[in-house]
């Protein structure tokens, strides 16, 4: 029996059939509405995964990089997670303003 332990998930605000989630030890997963199946887009220890509030073709995620000082890599995709669409990004995290954070 396959089991996924999600940390977070998000649904596209424009296209509600777009779903993404960050999961324990299984990275970032998206639901592909065209293929009607779940697909892994990044491996490892996924955490936050959210769609852009106005453009749900853009998603942001974090994935654990425990070989690099126990840090999380922040990424963005622009083609619903297809190969080649992920980019590492630098993001400002503010301890008191969650409007600019991934959570």
N, C-alpha and C. Protein backbone atom coordinates (compact mmCIF):
# COMPACT_ATOMS: atom_id res chain seq x y z
N UNK A 1 0.84 -1.17 0.00
CA UNK A 1 0.00 0.00 0.00
C UNK A 1 0.89 1.25 0.00
N UNK A 2 0.87 2.04 -1.06
CA UNK A 2 1.66 3.27 -1.09
C UNK A 2 1.07 4.30 -0.12
N UNK A 3 1.95 4.95 0.62
CA UNK A 3 1.52 5.96 1.58
C UNK A 3 2.34 7.22 1.37
N UNK A 4 1.68 8.35 1.35
CA UNK A 4 2.34 9.65 1.25
C UNK A 4 1.99 10.43 2.52
N UNK A 5 2.98 11.08 3.10
CA UNK A 5 2.75 11.93 4.26
C UNK A 5 2.94 13.38 3.84
N UNK A 6 1.85 14.08 3.50
CA UNK A 6 2.01 15.47 3.05
C UNK A 6 2.28 16.41 4.21
N UNK A 7 3.17 17.38 3.96
CA UNK A 7 3.37 18.50 4.88
C UNK A 7 2.37 19.60 4.55
N UNK A 8 2.35 19.99 3.28
CA UNK A 8 1.48 21.07 2.83
C UNK A 8 0.92 20.70 1.46
N UNK A 9 -0.20 21.32 1.10
CA UNK A 9 -0.70 21.19 -0.27
C UNK A 9 -1.39 22.48 -0.64
N UNK A 10 -1.56 22.67 -1.95
CA UNK A 10 -2.22 23.86 -2.45
C UNK A 10 -2.99 23.50 -3.70
N UNK A 11 -4.06 24.24 -3.95
CA UNK A 11 -4.91 24.06 -5.13
C UNK A 11 -4.86 25.36 -5.92
N UNK A 12 -4.75 25.25 -7.24
CA UNK A 12 -4.73 26.44 -8.08
C UNK A 12 -5.99 27.27 -7.90
N UNK A 13 -5.85 28.57 -7.82
CA UNK A 13 -7.01 29.43 -7.61
C UNK A 13 -7.79 29.68 -8.90
N UNK A 14 -7.11 29.60 -10.04
CA UNK A 14 -7.78 29.79 -11.32
C UNK A 14 -8.25 28.46 -11.87
N UNK A 15 -7.38 27.45 -11.84
CA UNK A 15 -7.71 26.10 -12.30
C UNK A 15 -7.70 25.17 -11.09
N UNK A 16 -8.85 24.88 -10.55
CA UNK A 16 -8.91 24.10 -9.31
C UNK A 16 -8.54 22.64 -9.50
N UNK A 17 -8.26 22.21 -10.74
CA UNK A 17 -7.80 20.84 -10.95
C UNK A 17 -6.28 20.73 -10.84
N UNK A 18 -5.60 21.83 -10.56
CA UNK A 18 -4.14 21.82 -10.34
C UNK A 18 -3.88 21.72 -8.84
N UNK A 19 -3.18 20.68 -8.45
CA UNK A 19 -2.89 20.42 -7.04
C UNK A 19 -1.40 20.13 -6.91
N UNK A 20 -0.78 20.67 -5.88
CA UNK A 20 0.62 20.38 -5.57
C UNK A 20 0.75 20.12 -4.08
N UNK A 21 1.73 19.32 -3.71
CA UNK A 21 1.98 19.08 -2.29
C UNK A 21 3.45 18.79 -2.04
N UNK A 22 3.89 19.16 -0.85
CA UNK A 22 5.21 18.78 -0.36
C UNK A 22 5.03 17.61 0.59
N UNK A 23 5.86 16.59 0.47
CA UNK A 23 5.63 15.38 1.27
C UNK A 23 6.90 14.87 1.95
N UNK A 24 6.70 14.21 3.07
CA UNK A 24 7.79 13.62 3.86
C UNK A 24 8.52 12.58 3.03
N UNK A 25 9.80 12.80 2.77
CA UNK A 25 10.68 11.85 2.07
C UNK A 25 10.29 11.56 0.62
N UNK A 26 9.27 12.22 0.10
CA UNK A 26 8.84 11.98 -1.28
C UNK A 26 8.82 13.24 -2.12
N UNK A 27 9.41 14.32 -1.64
CA UNK A 27 9.57 15.53 -2.43
C UNK A 27 8.28 16.25 -2.75
N UNK A 28 8.28 16.92 -3.88
CA UNK A 28 7.14 17.68 -4.36
C UNK A 28 6.38 16.86 -5.38
N UNK A 29 5.08 16.84 -5.23
CA UNK A 29 4.21 16.04 -6.09
C UNK A 29 3.14 16.96 -6.66
N UNK A 30 2.82 16.79 -7.94
CA UNK A 30 1.73 17.56 -8.54
C UNK A 30 0.72 16.61 -9.16
N UNK A 31 -0.51 17.08 -9.25
CA UNK A 31 -1.54 16.34 -9.98
C UNK A 31 -1.60 16.92 -11.38
N UNK A 32 -1.41 16.08 -12.39
CA UNK A 32 -1.48 16.51 -13.78
C UNK A 32 -2.91 16.28 -14.27
N UNK A 33 -3.70 17.36 -14.46
CA UNK A 33 -5.09 17.18 -14.85
C UNK A 33 -5.27 16.63 -16.27
N UNK A 34 -4.27 16.82 -17.13
CA UNK A 34 -4.38 16.29 -18.49
C UNK A 34 -4.19 14.78 -18.48
N UNK A 35 -3.14 14.31 -17.79
CA UNK A 35 -2.89 12.87 -17.70
C UNK A 35 -3.74 12.21 -16.62
N UNK A 36 -4.35 13.01 -15.76
CA UNK A 36 -5.15 12.54 -14.64
C UNK A 36 -4.37 11.58 -13.76
N UNK A 37 -3.14 12.03 -13.38
CA UNK A 37 -2.32 11.22 -12.49
C UNK A 37 -1.39 12.11 -11.68
N UNK A 38 -0.91 11.57 -10.56
CA UNK A 38 0.05 12.27 -9.71
C UNK A 38 1.44 12.02 -10.24
N UNK A 39 2.29 13.06 -10.21
CA UNK A 39 3.66 12.93 -10.69
C UNK A 39 4.63 13.56 -9.70
N UNK A 40 5.76 12.88 -9.47
CA UNK A 40 6.84 13.47 -8.68
C UNK A 40 7.57 14.47 -9.56
N UNK A 41 7.79 15.66 -9.04
CA UNK A 41 8.55 16.66 -9.79
C UNK A 41 9.89 16.95 -9.15
N UNK A 42 10.01 16.73 -7.86
CA UNK A 42 11.27 16.87 -7.14
C UNK A 42 11.30 15.80 -6.06
N UNK A 43 12.48 15.26 -5.82
CA UNK A 43 12.61 14.19 -4.83
C UNK A 43 13.23 14.72 -3.55
N UNK A 44 13.26 13.91 -2.53
CA UNK A 44 13.84 14.30 -1.25
C UNK A 44 12.76 14.58 -0.24
N UNK A 45 13.07 15.42 0.70
CA UNK A 45 12.13 15.76 1.76
C UNK A 45 11.43 17.05 1.37
N UNK A 46 10.29 16.93 0.72
CA UNK A 46 9.53 18.11 0.31
C UNK A 46 8.91 18.79 1.51
N UNK A 47 8.68 20.07 1.42
CA UNK A 47 8.03 20.77 2.52
C UNK A 47 6.93 21.66 1.96
N UNK A 48 7.16 22.95 1.86
CA UNK A 48 6.13 23.85 1.37
C UNK A 48 6.00 23.72 -0.15
N UNK A 49 4.77 23.74 -0.63
CA UNK A 49 4.49 23.74 -2.07
C UNK A 49 3.22 24.58 -2.26
N UNK A 50 3.35 25.71 -2.95
CA UNK A 50 2.21 26.61 -3.13
C UNK A 50 2.20 27.17 -4.55
N UNK A 51 1.00 27.43 -5.05
CA UNK A 51 0.84 28.10 -6.34
C UNK A 51 0.88 29.61 -6.15
N UNK A 52 1.32 30.30 -7.19
CA UNK A 52 1.25 31.76 -7.21
C UNK A 52 -0.22 32.14 -7.10
N UNK A 53 -0.57 33.17 -6.32
CA UNK A 53 -1.99 33.48 -6.12
C UNK A 53 -2.74 33.94 -7.36
N UNK A 54 -2.04 34.45 -8.38
CA UNK A 54 -2.73 34.94 -9.57
C UNK A 54 -2.38 34.17 -10.84
N UNK A 55 -1.33 33.36 -10.81
CA UNK A 55 -0.88 32.61 -11.98
C UNK A 55 -0.60 31.17 -11.54
N UNK A 56 -1.60 30.30 -11.63
CA UNK A 56 -1.38 28.95 -11.11
C UNK A 56 -0.60 28.05 -12.06
N UNK A 57 -0.01 28.64 -13.10
CA UNK A 57 1.00 27.91 -13.87
C UNK A 57 2.37 28.05 -13.21
N UNK A 58 2.45 28.88 -12.16
CA UNK A 58 3.69 29.09 -11.41
C UNK A 58 3.51 28.52 -10.01
N UNK A 59 4.47 27.69 -9.60
CA UNK A 59 4.42 27.08 -8.28
C UNK A 59 5.77 27.26 -7.60
N UNK A 60 5.74 27.43 -6.29
CA UNK A 60 6.95 27.54 -5.48
C UNK A 60 7.01 26.36 -4.54
N UNK A 61 8.21 25.84 -4.29
CA UNK A 61 8.33 24.71 -3.37
C UNK A 61 9.67 24.76 -2.66
N UNK A 62 9.76 24.01 -1.58
CA UNK A 62 11.03 23.82 -0.89
C UNK A 62 11.28 22.32 -0.77
N UNK A 63 12.54 21.95 -0.89
CA UNK A 63 12.96 20.55 -0.80
C UNK A 63 14.20 20.49 0.09
N UNK A 64 14.23 19.53 1.01
CA UNK A 64 15.34 19.40 1.94
C UNK A 64 16.63 19.01 1.25
N UNK A 65 17.71 19.66 1.65
CA UNK A 65 19.05 19.35 1.15
C UNK A 65 19.92 19.03 2.36
N UNK A 66 19.76 17.86 2.89
CA UNK A 66 20.41 17.54 4.15
C UNK A 66 21.89 17.26 4.00
N UNK A 67 22.39 17.20 2.78
CA UNK A 67 23.84 17.05 2.58
C UNK A 67 24.53 18.40 2.53
N UNK A 68 23.75 19.47 2.53
CA UNK A 68 24.33 20.82 2.43
C UNK A 68 23.99 21.65 3.66
N UNK A 69 24.28 21.12 4.83
CA UNK A 69 24.06 21.88 6.04
C UNK A 69 22.62 21.93 6.51
N UNK A 70 21.86 20.91 6.23
CA UNK A 70 20.46 20.84 6.66
C UNK A 70 19.67 22.07 6.23
N UNK A 71 19.76 22.42 4.97
CA UNK A 71 19.06 23.58 4.43
C UNK A 71 17.95 23.11 3.50
N UNK A 72 17.06 24.02 3.16
CA UNK A 72 16.02 23.75 2.18
C UNK A 72 16.31 24.54 0.92
N UNK A 73 16.18 23.88 -0.22
CA UNK A 73 16.32 24.55 -1.52
C UNK A 73 14.95 25.08 -1.91
N UNK A 74 14.90 26.33 -2.34
CA UNK A 74 13.66 26.94 -2.80
C UNK A 74 13.64 26.89 -4.32
N UNK A 75 12.50 26.48 -4.88
CA UNK A 75 12.40 26.31 -6.34
C UNK A 75 11.11 26.91 -6.85
N UNK A 76 11.09 27.14 -8.16
CA UNK A 76 9.90 27.65 -8.83
C UNK A 76 9.76 26.91 -10.15
N UNK A 77 8.54 26.53 -10.51
CA UNK A 77 8.33 26.01 -11.86
C UNK A 77 7.28 26.84 -12.56
N UNK A 78 7.36 26.84 -13.89
CA UNK A 78 6.46 27.65 -14.69
C UNK A 78 5.72 26.85 -15.74
N UNK A 79 5.88 25.54 -15.75
CA UNK A 79 5.23 24.71 -16.77
C UNK A 79 4.59 23.50 -16.10
N UNK A 80 3.93 23.73 -14.99
CA UNK A 80 3.25 22.70 -14.21
C UNK A 80 4.16 21.51 -13.92
N UNK A 81 5.42 21.80 -13.62
CA UNK A 81 6.35 20.77 -13.15
C UNK A 81 7.01 19.93 -14.21
N UNK A 82 6.81 20.27 -15.47
CA UNK A 82 7.42 19.47 -16.54
C UNK A 82 8.94 19.60 -16.51
N UNK A 83 9.60 18.63 -17.11
CA UNK A 83 11.06 18.61 -17.11
C UNK A 83 11.62 19.92 -17.65
N UNK A 84 12.62 20.43 -16.97
CA UNK A 84 13.27 21.66 -17.40
C UNK A 84 12.61 22.93 -16.93
N UNK A 85 11.47 22.83 -16.26
CA UNK A 85 10.78 24.05 -15.86
C UNK A 85 11.09 24.48 -14.44
N UNK A 86 11.84 23.66 -13.67
CA UNK A 86 12.19 24.03 -12.29
C UNK A 86 13.42 24.91 -12.27
N UNK A 87 13.41 25.94 -11.43
CA UNK A 87 14.55 26.83 -11.24
C UNK A 87 14.76 27.02 -9.75
N UNK A 88 16.01 26.97 -9.30
CA UNK A 88 16.30 27.33 -7.92
C UNK A 88 16.17 28.83 -7.78
N UNK A 89 15.62 29.29 -6.67
CA UNK A 89 15.44 30.72 -6.46
C UNK A 89 15.95 31.11 -5.08
N UNK A 90 16.34 32.35 -4.98
CA UNK A 90 16.65 32.94 -3.68
C UNK A 90 15.39 33.65 -3.22
N UNK A 91 15.02 33.45 -1.99
CA UNK A 91 13.79 34.05 -1.49
C UNK A 91 14.06 34.68 -0.13
N UNK A 92 13.48 35.81 0.09
CA UNK A 92 13.60 36.47 1.38
C UNK A 92 12.58 35.87 2.33
N UNK A 93 13.01 35.44 3.49
CA UNK A 93 12.11 34.95 4.52
C UNK A 93 12.13 35.93 5.68
N UNK A 94 10.96 36.33 6.10
CA UNK A 94 10.85 37.33 7.16
C UNK A 94 10.21 36.68 8.38
N UNK A 95 10.82 36.80 9.56
CA UNK A 95 10.31 36.08 10.73
C UNK A 95 8.95 36.57 11.23
N UNK A 96 8.53 37.78 10.87
CA UNK A 96 7.27 38.30 11.38
C UNK A 96 6.24 38.61 10.29
N UNK A 97 6.56 38.38 9.02
CA UNK A 97 5.65 38.72 7.94
C UNK A 97 5.46 37.51 7.05
N UNK A 98 4.46 36.70 7.34
CA UNK A 98 4.22 35.48 6.57
C UNK A 98 3.67 35.75 5.17
N UNK A 99 3.32 37.00 4.86
CA UNK A 99 2.83 37.29 3.51
C UNK A 99 3.91 37.09 2.46
N UNK A 100 5.19 37.17 2.85
CA UNK A 100 6.26 36.97 1.87
C UNK A 100 6.94 35.63 2.03
N UNK A 101 6.49 34.81 2.96
CA UNK A 101 7.08 33.49 3.18
C UNK A 101 6.30 32.43 2.42
N UNK A 102 6.86 31.23 2.33
CA UNK A 102 6.17 30.13 1.66
C UNK A 102 5.13 29.47 2.54
N UNK A 103 5.06 29.80 3.81
CA UNK A 103 4.07 29.18 4.68
C UNK A 103 3.14 30.21 5.24
